[in-house]
Protein backbone atom coordinates (compact mmCIF):
# COMPACT_ATOMS: atom_id res chain seq x y z
CA MET A 1 -30.25 36.63 87.75
CA GLU A 2 -32.53 39.65 88.19
CA ALA A 3 -31.95 39.41 91.96
CA LYS A 4 -28.19 39.55 91.42
CA THR A 5 -28.60 42.67 89.32
CA ILE A 6 -30.54 44.40 92.11
CA VAL A 7 -27.91 43.50 94.73
CA ARG A 8 -25.14 44.85 92.55
CA ALA A 9 -26.99 48.12 92.07
CA ALA A 10 -27.50 48.49 95.84
CA LEU A 11 -23.77 48.33 96.61
CA SER A 12 -21.83 51.59 96.94
CA PRO A 13 -18.88 52.02 94.56
CA GLN A 14 -16.45 51.49 97.48
CA GLU A 15 -18.21 48.30 98.62
CA ALA A 16 -18.39 46.96 95.08
CA GLU A 17 -14.68 47.58 94.55
CA GLN A 18 -13.79 45.97 97.87
CA GLN A 19 -15.86 42.91 96.99
CA ARG A 20 -14.27 42.73 93.55
CA LYS A 21 -10.73 42.87 94.96
CA LYS A 22 -11.47 40.15 97.50
CA GLN A 23 -12.79 37.86 94.80
CA PHE A 24 -9.86 38.66 92.54
CA GLU A 25 -7.35 37.67 95.24
CA ARG A 26 -9.02 34.27 95.58
CA ASN A 27 -9.37 33.79 91.84
CA LYS A 28 -5.79 34.66 90.98
CA TRP A 29 -4.33 31.97 93.28
CA LEU A 30 -6.73 29.20 92.32
CA TYR A 31 -6.50 30.04 88.63
CA SER A 32 -2.75 30.51 88.30
CA SER A 33 -1.65 27.60 90.52
CA SER A 34 -3.71 25.16 88.45
CA GLY A 35 -1.29 25.91 85.61
CA VAL A 36 1.22 23.51 87.19
CA GLY A 37 -0.86 20.47 86.23
CA ARG A 38 -1.75 21.87 82.82
CA ASP A 39 1.83 22.52 81.80
CA MET A 40 3.05 19.18 83.13
CA ILE A 41 0.59 17.33 80.92
CA TYR A 42 1.28 19.56 77.93
CA GLN A 43 5.02 18.99 78.27
CA LEU A 44 4.39 15.24 78.23
CA ILE A 45 2.86 15.60 74.77
CA GLY A 46 4.65 18.65 73.40
CA SER A 47 8.19 17.81 74.52
CA PHE A 48 8.20 14.05 75.05
CA LEU A 49 5.74 12.37 72.68
CA LEU A 50 8.26 12.41 69.84
CA ILE A 51 11.05 11.29 72.18
CA TYR A 52 8.86 8.42 73.40
CA ILE A 53 8.12 7.39 69.81
CA GLN A 54 11.77 7.74 68.72
CA PHE A 55 13.37 5.84 71.59
CA GLY A 56 10.53 3.61 72.81
CA VAL A 57 8.85 2.32 69.64
CA SER A 58 10.52 0.44 66.79
CA LEU A 59 9.49 2.13 63.54
CA THR A 60 10.92 2.50 60.07
CA LEU A 61 11.86 5.97 58.83
CA ALA A 62 8.75 5.98 56.62
CA GLN A 63 6.50 5.12 59.57
CA PHE A 64 8.13 7.73 61.83
CA THR A 65 7.85 10.38 59.11
CA MET A 66 4.20 9.58 58.43
CA LEU A 67 3.35 9.86 62.12
CA SER A 68 5.16 13.20 62.29
CA LEU A 69 3.19 14.46 59.30
CA VAL A 70 -0.07 13.49 60.98
CA ILE A 71 0.96 15.34 64.14
CA GLY A 72 2.42 18.31 62.28
CA VAL A 73 0.20 18.79 59.24
CA GLY A 74 -2.92 16.76 59.99
CA GLY A 75 -3.11 18.15 63.51
CA ARG A 76 -2.93 21.73 62.28
CA ILE A 77 -5.59 21.21 59.59
CA TRP A 78 -7.76 19.80 62.36
CA ASP A 79 -6.91 22.76 64.62
CA ALA A 80 -7.87 25.24 61.89
CA ILE A 81 -11.41 23.89 62.27
CA ASN A 82 -11.43 22.76 65.87
CA ASP A 83 -9.83 25.74 67.66
CA PRO A 84 -12.00 28.58 66.29
CA LEU A 85 -15.09 26.38 66.51
CA MET A 86 -14.34 25.74 70.19
CA GLY A 87 -13.75 29.46 70.70
CA ALA A 88 -17.15 30.21 69.19
CA ILE A 89 -18.82 27.53 71.33
CA ILE A 90 -17.26 28.93 74.52
CA GLU A 91 -18.18 32.48 73.55
CA GLY A 92 -21.77 31.38 73.16
CA THR A 93 -21.91 29.28 76.35
CA HIS A 94 -24.58 30.35 78.86
CA MET A 95 -24.45 27.60 81.49
CA ARG A 96 -25.28 28.37 85.13
CA TRP A 97 -21.84 27.01 86.02
CA GLY A 98 -20.20 29.69 83.90
CA LYS A 99 -18.82 30.48 80.47
CA PHE A 100 -15.39 28.87 80.77
CA LYS A 101 -15.36 26.41 83.68
CA PRO A 102 -17.47 23.59 82.18
CA TRP A 103 -15.14 23.27 79.19
CA ILE A 104 -12.03 23.45 81.36
CA LEU A 105 -13.09 20.38 83.35
CA ILE A 106 -14.67 18.41 80.48
CA GLY A 107 -11.52 18.93 78.38
CA ALA A 108 -9.24 17.85 81.23
CA ILE A 109 -11.06 14.58 81.92
CA SER A 110 -11.46 13.53 78.28
CA SER A 111 -7.92 14.45 77.20
CA GLY A 112 -6.50 12.74 80.30
CA ILE A 113 -8.15 9.44 79.38
CA LEU A 114 -6.71 9.67 75.86
CA ILE A 115 -3.20 10.37 77.18
CA ILE A 116 -3.27 7.23 79.30
CA CYS A 117 -4.26 5.24 76.20
CA MET A 118 -1.45 6.83 74.16
CA PHE A 119 1.31 5.78 76.55
CA CYS A 120 -0.09 2.59 78.08
CA ILE A 121 -1.16 0.73 74.90
CA GLN A 122 2.29 -0.09 73.51
CA SER A 123 2.70 -3.49 71.89
CA ILE A 124 1.26 -2.50 68.52
CA PRO A 125 3.63 -3.09 65.58
CA GLY A 126 4.61 -0.79 62.71
CA TRP A 127 1.87 0.77 60.65
CA GLN A 128 -0.80 -0.33 63.12
CA PHE A 129 0.94 1.79 65.75
CA VAL A 130 1.06 4.73 63.33
CA LEU A 131 -2.71 4.47 62.78
CA PHE A 132 -3.42 4.04 66.50
CA MET A 133 -1.27 6.99 67.61
CA SER A 134 -2.61 9.20 64.80
CA VAL A 135 -6.20 8.67 65.94
CA MET A 136 -5.28 9.13 69.61
CA TYR A 137 -3.35 12.32 68.89
CA LEU A 138 -6.13 13.96 66.86
CA LEU A 139 -8.69 13.08 69.51
CA TRP A 140 -6.38 14.48 72.16
CA GLU A 141 -6.02 17.71 70.17
CA ALA A 142 -9.80 18.15 70.11
CA THR A 143 -10.33 17.43 73.80
CA PHE A 144 -7.35 19.41 75.10
CA THR A 145 -8.54 22.37 73.04
CA MET A 146 -11.69 22.48 75.17
CA ASN A 147 -9.54 22.91 78.27
CA ASP A 148 -6.88 25.12 76.71
CA ILE A 149 -9.13 27.75 75.15
CA GLY A 150 -11.47 27.78 78.14
CA TYR A 151 -8.52 28.27 80.52
CA TRP A 152 -6.75 31.07 78.66
CA ALA A 153 -9.98 32.80 77.69
CA MET A 154 -10.75 33.13 81.40
CA LEU A 155 -7.52 35.10 82.06
CA PRO A 156 -8.55 38.53 80.68
CA SER A 157 -11.94 38.21 82.36
CA LEU A 158 -10.35 38.02 85.83
CA SER A 159 -9.46 41.74 85.79
CA SER A 160 -9.08 44.73 83.46
CA VAL A 161 -6.93 46.66 85.96
CA ASN A 162 -3.45 46.92 84.43
CA LYS A 163 -1.54 46.06 87.64
CA GLU A 164 -3.85 43.15 88.46
CA ARG A 165 -3.67 41.90 84.87
CA ASN A 166 0.14 41.91 85.02
CA THR A 167 0.08 40.15 88.40
CA VAL A 168 -2.23 37.29 87.45
CA THR A 169 -0.47 36.86 84.10
CA THR A 170 2.92 36.69 85.83
CA MET A 171 1.64 34.19 88.37
CA THR A 172 0.02 32.03 85.68
CA VAL A 173 3.21 31.87 83.63
CA LEU A 174 5.24 31.29 86.80
CA PHE A 175 3.19 28.29 87.89
CA ALA A 176 3.16 26.97 84.32
CA GLY A 177 6.95 27.24 84.37
CA ILE A 178 7.08 25.24 87.58
CA GLY A 179 4.98 22.55 85.93
CA ALA A 180 7.33 22.53 82.95
CA ILE A 181 10.39 22.16 85.19
CA ILE A 182 8.88 19.23 87.05
CA ALA A 183 7.81 17.45 83.86
CA GLN A 184 10.95 18.11 81.82
CA GLY A 185 13.23 17.28 84.74
CA VAL A 186 11.55 14.17 86.12
CA ILE A 187 10.31 12.44 82.94
CA PRO A 188 13.79 11.72 81.47
CA MET A 189 15.08 10.44 84.81
CA VAL A 190 12.16 8.02 85.14
CA THR A 191 12.12 6.85 81.52
CA VAL A 192 15.71 6.66 80.21
CA GLY A 193 16.78 3.02 80.31
CA ASP A 194 13.19 1.89 80.83
CA VAL A 195 11.22 3.94 78.32
CA ARG A 196 8.04 1.96 77.94
CA ALA A 197 7.40 1.20 81.62
CA GLY A 198 8.53 4.71 82.55
CA TYR A 199 6.05 6.43 80.26
CA ARG A 200 3.24 4.16 81.41
CA LEU A 201 3.80 5.30 84.99
CA VAL A 202 4.39 8.96 84.12
CA SER A 203 1.23 9.25 82.01
CA ILE A 204 -1.01 7.94 84.79
CA VAL A 205 0.53 10.13 87.51
CA LEU A 206 0.48 13.31 85.42
CA VAL A 207 -3.10 12.78 84.26
CA ILE A 208 -4.26 12.49 87.88
CA ILE A 209 -2.46 15.75 88.74
CA PHE A 210 -3.85 17.44 85.62
CA ILE A 211 -7.48 16.55 86.29
CA GLY A 212 -7.13 17.47 89.96
CA SER A 213 -5.70 20.91 89.17
CA GLN A 214 -8.40 21.67 86.62
CA ALA A 215 -11.11 20.57 89.03
CA MET A 216 -9.67 23.14 91.46
CA THR A 217 -10.12 25.89 88.87
CA SER A 218 -13.56 24.75 87.80
CA LEU A 219 -14.90 24.43 91.34
CA GLY A 220 -13.02 27.26 93.03
CA VAL A 221 -12.76 30.20 90.63
CA LYS A 222 -15.77 32.51 90.45
CA GLU A 223 -16.34 33.88 86.98
CA THR A 224 -16.90 37.59 86.44
CA TYR A 225 -20.53 38.68 86.21
CA ARG A 226 -21.64 38.95 82.57
CA PRO A 227 -24.10 41.64 81.48
CA LYS A 228 -27.40 40.49 80.09
CA THR A 229 -26.61 42.10 76.74
CA GLU A 230 -23.49 39.98 76.38
CA LYS A 231 -25.37 36.82 77.27
CA SER A 232 -27.94 37.41 74.58
CA GLU A 233 -25.36 37.52 71.78
CA LYS A 234 -25.60 34.87 69.13
CA VAL A 235 -22.20 33.43 68.24
CA SER A 236 -21.43 32.02 64.81
CA LEU A 237 -18.23 30.71 63.26
CA LYS A 238 -18.40 33.43 60.59
CA TRP A 239 -18.72 36.15 63.23
CA MET A 240 -15.85 34.64 65.20
CA TRP A 241 -13.50 34.68 62.18
CA LYS A 242 -14.51 38.27 61.45
CA THR A 243 -13.59 39.22 65.02
CA ILE A 244 -10.11 37.73 64.63
CA ILE A 245 -9.32 39.04 61.16
CA ARG A 246 -10.30 42.67 61.84
CA ASN A 247 -8.14 42.83 65.00
CA ASP A 248 -4.79 43.74 63.41
CA GLN A 249 -2.96 43.73 66.77
CA ILE A 250 -3.87 40.17 67.66
CA LEU A 251 -2.83 39.05 64.18
CA TRP A 252 0.63 40.65 64.50
CA MET A 253 1.00 39.19 67.98
CA THR A 254 0.01 35.78 66.61
CA LEU A 255 2.79 35.96 64.01
CA SER A 256 5.35 37.10 66.59
CA MET A 257 4.36 34.39 69.05
CA LEU A 258 4.52 31.78 66.29
CA PHE A 259 8.15 32.72 65.61
CA TYR A 260 8.91 32.75 69.33
CA ASN A 261 7.25 29.45 70.18
CA ILE A 262 8.93 27.52 67.37
CA GLY A 263 12.35 28.98 68.16
CA SER A 264 12.16 28.61 71.92
CA ILE A 265 11.24 24.92 71.99
CA LEU A 266 13.70 23.55 69.41
CA LEU A 267 16.47 23.22 71.99
CA ILE A 268 14.31 21.24 74.42
CA ALA A 269 12.90 19.15 71.55
CA LEU A 270 16.35 18.04 70.43
CA ALA A 271 18.18 18.26 73.77
CA ALA A 272 17.86 14.51 74.35
CA ASN A 273 19.48 13.67 71.01
CA LEU A 274 22.19 16.31 71.58
CA LEU A 275 23.06 15.05 75.06
CA TYR A 276 22.96 11.37 74.16
CA MET A 277 25.20 11.99 71.16
CA GLU A 278 27.71 14.35 72.79
CA MET A 279 27.83 12.82 76.27
CA SER A 280 25.91 9.67 77.18
CA TYR A 281 22.50 7.97 77.16
CA ASN A 282 21.68 9.28 80.61
CA GLY A 283 18.48 10.92 81.81
CA THR A 284 20.30 12.68 84.67
CA PHE A 285 22.08 15.00 82.22
CA PHE A 286 18.73 16.10 80.83
CA PHE A 287 17.56 16.70 84.40
CA TYR A 288 20.45 19.09 85.13
CA VAL A 289 19.83 21.08 81.94
CA VAL A 290 16.12 21.38 82.63
CA CYS A 291 16.74 22.47 86.20
CA ALA A 292 19.10 25.23 85.03
CA TYR A 293 16.65 26.15 82.28
CA GLY A 294 13.54 25.93 84.42
CA ILE A 295 14.75 27.43 87.70
CA THR A 296 16.01 30.45 85.78
CA ASN A 297 12.62 30.71 84.10
CA VAL A 298 10.83 30.77 87.45
CA ALA A 299 13.28 33.29 88.96
CA VAL A 300 12.92 35.61 85.99
CA ASN A 301 9.13 35.44 86.16
CA ILE A 302 9.31 36.56 89.78
CA LEU A 303 11.52 39.50 88.80
CA TYR A 304 9.46 40.41 85.75
CA PRO A 305 7.08 42.94 87.43
CA TRP A 306 10.06 44.89 88.82
CA LEU A 307 11.98 44.77 85.53
CA VAL A 308 9.04 45.80 83.39
CA GLY A 309 8.33 48.65 85.80
CA LYS A 310 11.89 49.91 85.37
CA LEU A 311 12.33 49.36 81.65
CA GLY A 312 8.90 49.03 80.06
CA ARG A 313 7.87 46.09 77.89
CA ARG A 314 9.45 47.28 74.63
CA LYS A 315 12.96 47.89 76.01
CA LEU A 316 12.79 44.75 78.13
CA GLN A 317 11.98 42.66 75.07
CA SER A 318 15.02 43.97 73.14
CA ILE A 319 17.35 43.22 76.04
CA SER A 320 15.84 39.78 76.59
CA ILE A 321 16.35 38.64 72.99
CA ALA A 322 19.96 39.90 73.05
CA VAL A 323 20.66 37.83 76.19
CA ALA A 324 19.07 34.71 74.65
CA VAL A 325 21.07 35.08 71.40
CA ILE A 326 24.35 35.32 73.36
CA GLY A 327 23.41 32.13 75.21
CA TYR A 328 22.69 30.29 71.96
CA LEU A 329 25.98 31.39 70.38
CA LEU A 330 27.96 30.15 73.38
CA LEU A 331 26.03 26.85 73.31
CA GLY A 332 26.86 26.47 69.62
CA ALA A 333 30.58 26.85 70.36
CA MET A 334 30.62 23.97 72.86
CA GLY A 335 32.73 21.04 71.75
CA TRP A 336 34.19 22.92 68.80
CA ILE A 337 36.37 25.42 70.68
CA SER A 338 38.89 24.31 73.32
CA ALA A 339 37.73 27.04 75.72
CA PHE A 340 34.21 25.61 75.67
CA PRO A 341 34.35 21.79 76.03
CA PHE A 342 31.02 19.99 75.96
CA THR A 343 30.32 19.57 79.66
CA ILE A 344 27.06 19.52 81.57
CA SER A 345 28.12 22.47 83.74
CA LEU A 346 28.86 24.72 80.76
CA MET A 347 25.66 23.71 79.01
CA CYS A 348 23.65 24.55 82.13
CA ALA A 349 25.38 27.94 82.38
CA PHE A 350 24.55 28.84 78.78
CA CYS A 351 20.99 27.55 79.19
CA VAL A 352 20.57 30.05 82.06
CA LEU A 353 21.16 32.90 79.59
CA ILE A 354 18.84 31.36 77.01
CA SER A 355 16.10 30.71 79.53
CA ALA A 356 16.32 34.17 81.14
CA GLY A 357 16.07 35.94 77.79
CA GLN A 358 13.24 33.81 76.46
CA ALA A 359 11.23 33.98 79.71
CA LEU A 360 11.32 37.79 79.83
CA PHE A 361 10.29 38.09 76.20
CA TYR A 362 7.48 35.57 76.67
CA MET A 363 6.08 37.31 79.75
CA ALA A 364 5.91 40.66 77.98
CA SER A 365 4.37 39.02 74.93
CA ILE A 366 1.65 37.25 76.94
CA VAL A 367 0.65 40.58 78.49
CA ASN A 368 0.63 42.16 75.02
CA MET A 369 -1.56 39.38 73.65
CA THR A 370 -3.97 39.55 76.59
CA ASN A 371 -4.31 43.31 76.14
CA CYS A 372 -5.71 42.70 72.67
CA THR A 373 -9.03 41.90 74.40
CA GLU A 374 -9.39 45.53 75.47
CA TYR A 375 -8.19 46.63 72.04
CA ASN A 376 -11.04 44.66 70.49
CA ASP A 377 -13.48 46.32 72.90
CA TYR A 378 -11.97 49.76 72.23
CA LYS A 379 -12.16 49.40 68.44
CA PHE A 380 -15.35 47.40 67.95
CA GLY A 381 -17.26 47.54 71.24
CA GLU A 382 -16.91 43.80 71.96
CA ARG A 383 -14.54 42.04 74.40
CA ASN A 384 -14.92 38.47 73.10
CA GLU A 385 -12.35 36.93 75.45
CA ALA A 386 -12.75 33.39 74.14
CA VAL A 387 -12.46 34.43 70.49
CA VAL A 388 -9.37 36.60 71.01
CA SER A 389 -7.81 33.99 73.31
CA THR A 390 -8.39 31.21 70.77
CA LEU A 391 -5.28 32.26 68.90
CA ARG A 392 -2.89 31.80 71.85
CA PRO A 393 -3.37 28.03 72.24
CA PHE A 394 -3.62 27.67 68.47
CA VAL A 395 -0.22 29.33 68.08
CA VAL A 396 1.33 27.12 70.78
CA LYS A 397 0.00 23.94 69.18
CA PHE A 398 0.88 25.10 65.69
CA ALA A 399 4.41 25.93 66.85
CA THR A 400 4.72 22.53 68.54
CA ALA A 401 3.67 20.87 65.30
CA MET A 402 6.19 22.91 63.30
CA GLN A 403 8.82 21.95 65.85
CA THR A 404 7.82 18.31 65.35
CA LEU A 405 8.21 18.64 61.59
CA LEU A 406 11.55 20.43 61.86
CA THR A 407 12.77 17.84 64.35
CA THR A 408 11.69 15.03 62.03
CA ILE A 409 13.45 16.65 59.07
CA VAL A 410 16.67 17.03 61.05
CA LEU A 411 16.54 13.48 62.43
CA ALA A 412 15.73 12.00 59.02
CA LEU A 413 18.18 13.94 56.81
CA SER A 414 21.05 13.70 59.30
CA GLY A 415 20.65 9.94 59.79
CA VAL A 416 20.20 10.41 63.55
CA PHE A 417 16.78 8.73 63.56
CA LEU A 418 17.97 5.49 61.97
CA LEU A 419 20.92 5.43 64.37
CA SER A 420 18.62 6.06 67.33
CA GLN A 421 16.54 3.00 66.44
CA SER A 422 19.27 0.91 67.99
CA ILE A 423 18.22 2.44 71.33
CA SER A 424 14.55 1.99 70.44
CA THR A 425 15.14 -1.72 69.76
CA LEU A 426 17.05 -2.07 73.01
CA GLU A 427 14.31 -0.35 75.00
CA THR A 428 11.54 -2.36 73.31
CA GLN A 429 13.31 -5.66 73.96
CA ARG A 430 14.08 -4.66 77.53
CA ASP A 431 10.34 -4.30 78.11
CA PHE A 432 9.50 -7.61 76.42
CA PHE A 433 12.31 -9.49 78.20
CA ALA A 434 11.19 -8.23 81.62
CA LYS A 435 7.69 -9.59 80.96
CA ILE A 436 8.92 -13.12 80.17
CA ALA A 437 7.82 -15.01 83.27
CA SER A 438 9.76 -18.24 82.68
CA PRO A 439 13.59 -18.44 82.91
CA THR A 440 13.30 -21.27 80.39
CA GLU A 441 11.74 -18.88 77.88
CA GLN A 442 14.39 -16.25 78.70
CA ARG A 443 17.10 -18.83 77.95
CA TYR A 444 15.44 -19.62 74.63
CA TYR A 445 15.33 -15.88 73.81
CA VAL A 446 19.06 -15.44 74.54
CA THR A 447 20.02 -18.58 72.61
CA GLN A 448 18.13 -17.40 69.52
CA ILE A 449 19.63 -13.88 69.64
CA GLN A 450 23.11 -15.42 69.84
CA ALA A 451 22.33 -17.59 66.81
CA TYR A 452 21.17 -14.53 64.85
CA LEU A 453 24.35 -12.63 65.75
CA GLY A 454 26.43 -15.18 63.89
CA GLU A 455 24.90 -14.00 60.60
CA TYR A 456 26.30 -10.46 61.12
CA GLU A 457 29.84 -11.41 62.00
CA GLY A 458 32.32 -9.32 59.99
CA LEU A 459 29.56 -7.24 58.33
CA THR A 460 29.19 -3.44 58.45
CA ILE A 461 25.79 -1.88 58.98
CA GLY A 462 24.44 -0.14 55.90
CA THR A 463 26.14 -2.44 53.40
CA GLU A 464 24.30 -4.76 51.02
CA ALA A 465 25.73 -7.80 52.79
CA PHE A 466 24.43 -6.54 56.14
CA ASP A 467 20.97 -5.82 54.70
CA ALA A 468 20.88 -9.28 53.13
CA ALA A 469 21.76 -10.86 56.48
CA ALA A 470 19.04 -8.78 58.18
CA GLY A 471 16.55 -10.03 55.59
CA ARG A 472 17.42 -13.67 56.30
CA ILE A 473 17.16 -13.10 60.06
CA GLY A 474 13.82 -11.37 59.59
CA ASP A 475 12.47 -14.44 57.81
CA ARG A 476 13.74 -16.69 60.61
CA ILE A 477 12.07 -14.53 63.25
CA ILE A 478 8.74 -14.61 61.41
CA ALA A 479 8.96 -18.39 61.05
CA ASP A 480 9.61 -18.79 64.80
CA GLU A 481 6.25 -18.32 66.53
CA ARG A 482 7.87 -17.67 69.92
CA MET A 483 10.38 -15.07 68.72
CA ALA A 484 7.89 -13.37 66.38
CA ASN A 485 5.94 -12.16 69.42
CA TYR A 486 8.84 -9.91 70.49
CA GLN A 487 8.71 -7.61 67.42
CA ILE A 488 12.49 -7.64 66.97
CA ASP A 489 13.92 -5.39 64.25
CA PRO A 490 16.66 -7.54 62.67
CA GLN A 491 18.66 -4.43 61.64
CA TYR A 492 19.52 -3.76 65.29
CA ILE A 493 20.24 -7.24 66.61
CA PRO A 494 23.99 -6.40 66.91
CA ALA A 495 23.01 -3.66 69.40
CA LEU A 496 20.87 -6.16 71.30
CA GLY A 497 23.91 -8.43 71.54
CA ASP A 498 25.69 -5.78 73.63
CA ALA A 499 22.84 -5.42 76.15
CA MET A 500 23.73 -6.52 79.66
CA ILE A 501 21.67 -9.18 81.44
CA LEU A 502 21.03 -8.50 85.11
CA LYS A 503 20.07 -11.05 87.73
CA GLN A 504 17.39 -9.67 90.03
CA THR A 505 17.97 -10.62 93.66
CA GLY A 506 15.55 -8.79 95.92
CA SER A 507 16.16 -5.07 95.50
CA THR A 508 19.63 -5.54 93.95
CA ALA A 509 20.68 -6.44 90.44
CA VAL A 510 23.91 -8.23 89.50
CA GLU A 511 25.47 -8.04 86.03
CA VAL A 512 25.58 -11.57 84.58
CA GLY A 513 27.02 -10.80 81.15
CA ARG A 514 26.25 -9.37 77.73
CA VAL A 515 23.74 -11.22 75.57
CA SER A 516 26.36 -12.01 72.90
CA ALA A 517 28.82 -13.68 75.30
CA LEU A 518 26.55 -15.14 77.97
CA ASP A 519 26.18 -18.86 78.57
CA ALA A 520 22.40 -19.19 78.43
CA ALA A 521 22.56 -22.12 80.83
CA ALA A 522 23.58 -19.63 83.54
CA LEU A 523 19.98 -18.33 83.61
CA THR A 524 18.68 -20.54 86.41
CA GLU A 525 15.08 -21.36 87.23
CA ASP A 526 15.16 -19.82 90.70
CA SER A 527 15.90 -16.28 89.47
CA HIS A 528 14.45 -13.62 87.20
CA TYR A 529 16.53 -11.64 84.72
CA THR A 530 16.27 -8.27 82.99
CA LEU A 531 18.09 -6.47 80.20
CA GLU A 532 20.02 -3.26 80.97
CA VAL A 533 20.52 -0.99 77.96
CA GLY A 534 21.69 2.23 79.66
CA GLY A 535 24.27 3.02 82.34
CA LEU A 536 26.02 0.08 84.00
CA LYS A 537 27.12 0.13 87.64
CA SER A 538 30.30 -1.76 86.73
CA GLY A 539 31.43 1.21 84.64
CA ALA A 540 31.42 -0.80 81.41
CA GLU A 541 30.03 1.02 78.36
CA SER A 542 26.33 0.57 77.82
CA ALA A 543 24.81 -0.90 74.66
CA ALA A 544 23.05 2.40 74.01
CA ASN A 545 26.32 4.37 74.02
CA LEU A 546 28.13 1.77 71.92
CA HIS A 547 25.50 1.90 69.20
CA PHE A 548 24.37 5.56 69.29
CA ARG A 549 26.92 7.99 70.70
CA ASP A 550 29.99 6.06 69.54
CA LYS A 551 28.65 5.60 66.00
CA SER A 552 27.59 9.22 65.42
CA THR A 553 29.21 11.16 62.58
CA LEU A 554 30.42 14.75 62.15
CA SER A 555 27.52 15.57 59.83
CA MET A 556 25.02 14.37 62.44
CA ARG A 557 26.55 16.68 65.05
CA ILE A 558 26.48 19.65 62.67
CA TRP A 559 22.82 19.05 61.81
CA LEU A 560 21.90 19.06 65.49
CA ARG A 561 23.83 22.28 66.20
CA ILE A 562 22.13 24.09 63.34
CA ALA A 563 18.72 23.01 64.62
CA VAL A 564 19.30 23.98 68.28
CA VAL A 565 21.33 27.16 67.74
CA ALA A 566 21.01 28.84 64.32
CA ALA A 567 17.28 28.25 63.80
CA PRO A 568 16.23 29.57 67.26
CA ILE A 569 18.33 32.73 66.84
CA VAL A 570 16.69 33.58 63.51
CA LEU A 571 13.17 32.89 64.82
CA LEU A 572 13.58 34.84 68.07
CA ILE A 573 14.91 37.89 66.22
CA GLY A 574 11.93 37.60 63.85
CA ALA A 575 9.55 37.58 66.82
CA LEU A 576 11.16 40.73 68.25
CA ILE A 577 11.16 42.65 64.95
CA THR A 578 7.48 41.84 64.33
CA GLN A 579 6.40 43.33 67.66
CA LYS A 580 8.78 46.29 67.39
CA ARG A 581 7.43 47.36 64.03
CA LYS A 582 3.77 46.38 64.18
CA PHE A 583 2.48 46.16 67.77
CA ILE A 584 1.25 49.52 69.14
CA ILE A 585 -0.37 48.65 72.49
CA ASP A 586 2.29 49.79 74.96
CA GLU A 587 1.57 50.88 78.54
CA GLU A 588 0.41 54.39 77.55
CA TYR A 589 -1.84 53.14 74.77
CA TYR A 590 -3.40 50.56 77.09
CA ASP A 591 -4.17 53.17 79.78
CA MET A 592 -5.72 55.40 77.12
CA MET A 593 -7.99 52.53 76.00
CA LEU A 594 -9.13 51.86 79.57
CA GLU A 595 -10.00 55.54 80.09
CA GLU A 596 -12.04 55.60 76.91
CA LEU A 597 -13.83 52.34 77.77
CA ASP A 598 -14.61 53.68 81.23
CA LYS A 599 -16.13 56.83 79.69
CA ARG A 600 -18.32 54.73 77.42
CA GLN A 601 -19.51 52.59 80.31
CA ARG A 602 -20.41 55.63 82.40
CA ALA A 603 -22.23 57.16 79.45
CA GLN A 604 -24.26 53.95 78.95
CA SER A 605 -25.09 53.87 82.68
CA HIS A 606 -26.45 57.43 82.54
CA GLU A 607 -28.53 56.62 79.46
CA SER A 608 -30.09 53.58 81.14
């Protein structure tokens, strides 16, 4: 390291600057482009874990609520310890490989393994699944934190030049947005109608991409040279908390970003329920919405440098929130006003406004948050990138957890969750039925379901008579060793009766008939059969639509609209007001800080 110091001293200022710019150009592309894999894997957990659990796993309301509490409350208690501790560990890291890169790669590999376990180990019933997923989720939180804090802490260290900082931040958010589009658009198309098998495949593919992208950062990005004085610092948890608490600007930005992150992800979190209830159980609809949402996000990120140069961050933020609020209000009117019927084209159009507004506000806020590193140096003489950057991933995860809790509350109180378990039962049984190797066993399965259906004839779900019939069927299933293996929820057997059986012939599938009306003898030994629960090529209504969309109530629809429209508007306005009134680091203030820091550095160089 002494040799490196001598070489640096021998370079002229012009040569040193030229070398720095060349390295920055390489770093910014390798660093920012790796965000595609990171955001794809985060969307799998942040946006789709709850959807997977809701529509792919048969749980009671108590079990679903408990799991949500573990994710929402337990995960945040764990983060309160884990995130700052990881920030302190990274800040005190002195490996030859670098300060950030080792944790980026270690976190990617370990969290990737856990994700595969979360989505590929599926046939665990009830409370055992709750325990399993709780442990997996908390372990994932800990391992992903290694990657997340290491990655974002590296950002301010890439450059302190205002223009370069804006450029690399814009590129990082842009590539992350591309990752989000791919994940949010493709995952529903692959999984709807085949949830369990779909998520098994998706988890493996995305983990491979995630680890590959983070290996690119770890092996390709060259970390900024760290002075010997910085390397000799001793980092403690107490010192780390002191650094965060005394930085008033990062605290106000944390509060603003908390409001923003919760508000901005509620629509995506509940979009599946909204679309399935208003239109159809169809992953293609979700794909169109995400494309409109995501492509706009990418386009706006490209335009951000020009817009911020014309308007400045403060004015741009006010305009962006106004645009997003207009989009939400128009979305809320869909289906209630004749001029705005609930169509996929109108929803995409309004999502363009929402996405454009939120993306602009987020870009400006990320730059503001990153600039708090220089503010910490300006006020206290310490940069502490990892410590300051700890709060960004903490806020994102905390907001995701709050979104999970709010989503759970809405689904539980509205009755949407219990209704959606008809789809969950259908998806679960589709997976089990496809794995039955013997047509003889498939015939037995169909015959037994038909016998169970007789108990529900003339009964209405939710009545005492229906519940009593479900209890009797539950006892019969437990007593039947063959049927007990399929983990059938007796409450939703009527929905299973409307599932369509398909005969698989090569690459084509022919509709044989619904489970309730099929002659089981028609399932011949020379063929294999599957259950179809979603869209049917014949045009007949699917079992999922018959037992979810067509049984929804007015109160359920109102609950969903409040959650995806009213709540985001309030939270986004709160995020804007917080920054307007409390955040002081605008462009002029930032340039002033850099001038002062440069003076201090020159003074220290003269003294030495």
